[in-house]
Amino acid sequence: MQEKKIYGYARVSTREQNEDRQIIALKEMGVPEKNIYIDKQSGKDFDRKQYKRLMKKLNSEAVLFIKSIDRLGRNYADLNDQWRAITKEKGADIVVIDMPLLDTRRGKDLMGTFLADIVLALLSYVAENERINIKQRQAEGIMAAKLRGVHFGKRATPLPANFYDVYRKWRDKEISVNTAITECGMPRSTFYYKVREFEKATLLKN
């Protein structure tokens, strides 16, 4: 019987994160470095360059190793679809290093498949639920900060001290807009924006 070719997949969410722990775990399982595919992007979907390259390599003579189920993906529905695409359509085996029950090389009988499906469903649900909870906590944190008066985003540049005098001269056609933006030291678009904001504020006061 021909020995199966083994591959590894690793993923981190950003370029700043380090994938070394995953690579070490994959190599310890005997995955050659040249057969390890790495993506540095979110696991919210499977539109990933290296993952797509890996999928083209998988077939019935392949085994895919991943360190944990959330490295494959974090979206519950998509994760289940991809698992079935790999094991059913491609016919490849999957081994989740941190979860020995998720090793499709074992338990090829009905009970083994049933147990693997239950564990996968549970873990992928937990992974997605945690992602949702993180987003919810972030949203709540931002809202709480706003209520405390914390401002997000770029702060507005204060008006130059001579803005009103320059604006009045420009409004009364004593100077051109080119002269006005030069005296205020701001781009034309910014000058017009500040004029609109100033006139709006003045109108509200009146």
Protein backbone atom coordinates (compact mmCIF):
# COMPACT_ATOMS: atom_id res chain seq x y z
CA MET A 1 0.00 0.00 0.00
CA GLN A 2 1.37 3.42 -0.99
CA GLU A 3 2.36 5.65 1.94
CA LYS A 4 0.18 8.72 2.17
CA LYS A 5 1.66 12.16 1.49
CA ILE A 6 1.36 14.47 4.45
CA TYR A 7 0.67 18.20 4.48
CA GLY A 8 0.33 20.83 7.18
CA TYR A 9 -1.68 24.01 7.42
CA ALA A 10 -1.01 26.92 9.78
CA ARG A 11 -2.82 30.24 10.14
CA VAL A 12 -2.43 33.41 12.17
CA SER A 13 -4.87 36.30 12.00
CA THR A 14 -2.37 39.11 11.30
CA ARG A 15 1.14 39.52 9.88
CA GLU A 16 2.35 40.61 13.33
CA GLN A 17 1.40 37.29 14.95
CA ASN A 18 3.87 34.42 15.05
CA GLU A 19 3.10 30.98 13.65
CA ASP A 20 6.21 29.25 15.10
CA ARG A 21 4.31 27.10 17.65
CA GLN A 22 2.11 25.71 14.90
CA ILE A 23 5.08 25.02 12.63
CA ILE A 24 6.94 23.20 15.42
CA ALA A 25 3.88 21.05 16.16
CA LEU A 26 3.45 20.18 12.47
CA LYS A 27 7.12 19.24 12.05
CA GLU A 28 6.94 17.05 15.16
CA MET A 29 4.17 15.12 13.40
CA GLY A 30 6.53 14.52 10.49
CA VAL A 31 5.22 17.15 8.06
CA PRO A 32 8.03 18.31 5.73
CA GLU A 33 8.56 22.07 5.81
CA LYS A 34 7.98 22.29 2.05
CA ASN A 35 4.51 20.81 2.56
CA ILE A 36 3.43 23.36 5.18
CA TYR A 37 1.08 26.06 3.92
CA ILE A 38 0.73 29.26 5.96
CA ASP A 39 -1.85 32.05 5.76
CA LYS A 40 -1.65 35.30 7.69
CA GLN A 41 -5.23 36.48 7.68
CA SER A 42 -8.55 36.15 9.48
CA GLY A 43 -10.26 32.78 9.74
CA LYS A 44 -13.71 34.26 9.10
CA ASP A 45 -13.84 32.61 5.65
CA PHE A 46 -11.77 30.36 3.37
CA ASP A 47 -10.80 32.92 0.74
CA ARG A 48 -7.10 32.47 1.51
CA LYS A 49 -4.30 32.14 -1.01
CA GLN A 50 -2.25 29.38 0.64
CA TYR A 51 -5.30 27.42 1.72
CA LYS A 52 -6.52 27.35 -1.89
CA ARG A 53 -3.09 26.13 -3.03
CA LEU A 54 -3.20 23.40 -0.39
CA MET A 55 -6.67 22.24 -1.43
CA LYS A 56 -5.38 21.59 -4.97
CA LYS A 57 -2.80 19.18 -3.52
CA LEU A 58 -5.19 17.10 -1.44
CA ASN A 59 -6.52 13.76 -2.65
CA SER A 60 -7.27 10.28 -1.33
CA GLU A 61 -3.54 9.68 -0.83
CA ALA A 62 -3.05 12.73 1.42
CA VAL A 63 -3.21 13.50 5.15
CA LEU A 64 -3.66 17.07 6.38
CA PHE A 65 -2.34 18.06 9.82
CA ILE A 66 -3.51 21.18 11.68
CA LYS A 67 -2.64 22.15 15.25
CA SER A 68 -6.18 23.09 16.33
CA ILE A 69 -9.57 23.30 14.66
CA ASP A 70 -9.73 27.12 14.81
CA ARG A 71 -6.53 27.32 12.71
CA LEU A 72 -8.52 25.81 9.88
CA GLY A 73 -11.40 28.27 10.31
CA ARG A 74 -13.70 30.01 12.77
CA ASN A 75 -17.00 30.16 10.93
CA TYR A 76 -19.18 27.24 12.04
CA ALA A 77 -21.07 26.61 8.79
CA ASP A 78 -18.07 27.14 6.49
CA LEU A 79 -15.82 25.01 8.69
CA ASN A 80 -18.18 22.05 8.45
CA ASP A 81 -18.45 22.50 4.68
CA GLN A 82 -14.67 22.54 4.28
CA TRP A 83 -14.21 19.51 6.52
CA ARG A 84 -16.59 17.55 4.34
CA ALA A 85 -14.98 18.87 1.16
CA ILE A 86 -11.59 17.60 2.34
CA THR A 87 -12.70 14.25 3.73
CA LYS A 88 -15.55 13.39 1.35
CA GLU A 89 -14.88 15.16 -1.96
CA LYS A 90 -11.07 15.06 -1.84
CA GLY A 91 -11.00 11.81 0.12
CA ALA A 92 -8.09 13.06 2.26
CA ASP A 93 -7.63 12.46 5.98
CA ILE A 94 -7.44 15.23 8.58
CA VAL A 95 -5.56 15.12 11.88
CA VAL A 96 -6.19 17.83 14.50
CA ILE A 97 -3.12 17.62 16.73
CA ASP A 98 -4.71 19.17 19.83
CA MET A 99 -7.82 16.95 19.58
CA PRO A 100 -6.94 13.26 19.03
CA LEU A 101 -10.60 12.36 18.48
CA LEU A 102 -10.46 14.42 15.29
CA ASP A 103 -8.22 12.03 13.38
CA THR A 104 -10.04 10.57 10.39
CA ARG A 105 -7.36 7.91 9.92
CA ARG A 106 -8.87 6.13 12.91
CA GLY A 107 -12.36 4.84 13.36
CA LYS A 108 -13.35 4.48 9.72
CA ASP A 109 -16.45 2.61 10.88
CA LEU A 110 -19.82 4.27 11.42
CA MET A 111 -19.25 4.90 15.14
CA GLY A 112 -15.84 6.51 14.55
CA THR A 113 -17.26 8.81 11.88
CA PHE A 114 -20.23 9.65 14.10
CA LEU A 115 -17.99 10.60 17.05
CA ALA A 116 -15.72 12.73 14.83
CA ASP A 117 -18.73 14.58 13.42
CA ILE A 118 -20.07 15.32 16.92
CA VAL A 119 -16.69 16.58 18.17
CA LEU A 120 -16.20 18.71 15.04
CA ALA A 121 -19.66 20.25 15.37
CA LEU A 122 -19.05 21.07 19.04
CA LEU A 123 -15.57 22.55 18.55
CA SER A 124 -16.50 24.59 15.48
CA TYR A 125 -19.55 25.95 17.32
CA VAL A 126 -17.36 26.94 20.28
CA ALA A 127 -14.83 28.59 17.93
CA GLU A 128 -17.50 30.66 16.18
CA ASN A 129 -19.24 31.52 19.44
CA GLU A 130 -15.97 32.83 20.87
CA ARG A 131 -15.43 34.95 17.74
CA ILE A 132 -18.92 36.44 18.13
CA ASN A 133 -18.33 37.07 21.84
CA ILE A 134 -15.05 38.85 21.12
CA LYS A 135 -16.77 41.17 18.61
CA GLN A 136 -19.56 41.79 21.11
CA ARG A 137 -17.08 42.64 23.87
CA GLN A 138 -15.22 44.98 21.53
CA ALA A 139 -18.46 46.76 20.59
CA GLU A 140 -19.47 47.07 24.25
CA GLY A 141 -16.01 48.38 25.14
CA ILE A 142 -16.18 51.04 22.43
CA MET A 143 -19.66 52.09 23.53
CA ALA A 144 -18.58 52.32 27.18
CA ALA A 145 -15.54 54.39 26.19
CA LYS A 146 -17.72 56.77 24.15
CA LEU A 147 -20.03 57.22 27.13
CA ARG A 148 -16.95 58.18 29.19
CA GLY A 149 -16.13 60.80 26.58
CA VAL A 150 -13.31 58.96 24.82
CA HIS A 151 -13.08 60.01 21.17
CA PHE A 152 -12.10 57.58 18.42
CA GLY A 153 -10.59 58.44 15.09
CA LYS A 154 -8.57 61.43 13.97
CA ARG A 155 -9.14 64.61 15.95
CA ALA A 156 -10.22 67.66 14.00
CA THR A 157 -7.46 70.16 13.26
CA PRO A 158 -8.18 73.44 15.08
CA LEU A 159 -8.86 76.53 12.97
CA PRO A 160 -5.90 78.87 12.46
CA ALA A 161 -6.08 82.07 14.52
CA ASN A 162 -6.55 84.22 11.42
CA PHE A 163 -9.32 82.08 9.91
CA TYR A 164 -12.22 84.46 10.67
CA ASP A 165 -10.43 87.50 9.23
CA VAL A 166 -9.37 85.59 6.11
CA TYR A 167 -12.85 84.11 5.73
CA ARG A 168 -14.48 87.54 5.99
CA LYS A 169 -12.15 89.00 3.33
CA TRP A 170 -12.78 86.03 1.03
CA ARG A 171 -16.55 86.23 1.61
CA ASP A 172 -16.52 89.95 0.81
CA LYS A 173 -14.43 89.22 -2.33
CA GLU A 174 -11.51 91.27 -1.03
CA ILE A 175 -9.16 88.32 -1.63
CA SER A 176 -9.19 85.24 -3.88
CA VAL A 177 -9.55 81.70 -2.61
CA ASN A 178 -5.89 81.05 -3.51
CA THR A 179 -4.84 83.92 -1.25
CA ALA A 180 -7.18 82.68 1.48
CA ILE A 181 -5.83 79.12 1.53
CA THR A 182 -2.25 80.44 1.47
CA GLU A 183 -2.88 82.73 4.44
CA CYS A 184 -4.66 79.96 6.37
CA GLY A 185 -2.07 77.34 5.41
CA MET A 186 -4.59 74.69 4.37
CA PRO A 187 -5.62 72.86 1.18
CA ARG A 188 -8.51 74.28 -0.88
CA SER A 189 -10.82 71.39 -0.01
CA THR A 190 -10.10 71.84 3.72
CA PHE A 191 -10.75 75.58 3.48
CA TYR A 192 -14.15 75.02 1.85
CA TYR A 193 -14.99 72.33 4.42
CA LYS A 194 -14.07 74.65 7.31
CA VAL A 195 -16.09 77.45 5.73
CA ARG A 196 -19.17 75.22 5.55
CA GLU A 197 -18.69 74.10 9.15
CA PHE A 198 -18.15 77.68 10.31
CA GLU A 199 -21.21 78.99 8.46
CA LYS A 200 -23.34 76.11 9.77
CA ALA A 201 -22.24 76.83 13.34
CA THR A 202 -22.88 80.54 12.89
CA LEU A 203 -26.35 79.86 11.48
CA LEU A 204 -27.23 77.64 14.43
CA LYS A 205 -26.16 80.32 16.88
CA ASN A 206 -28.42 82.84 15.17
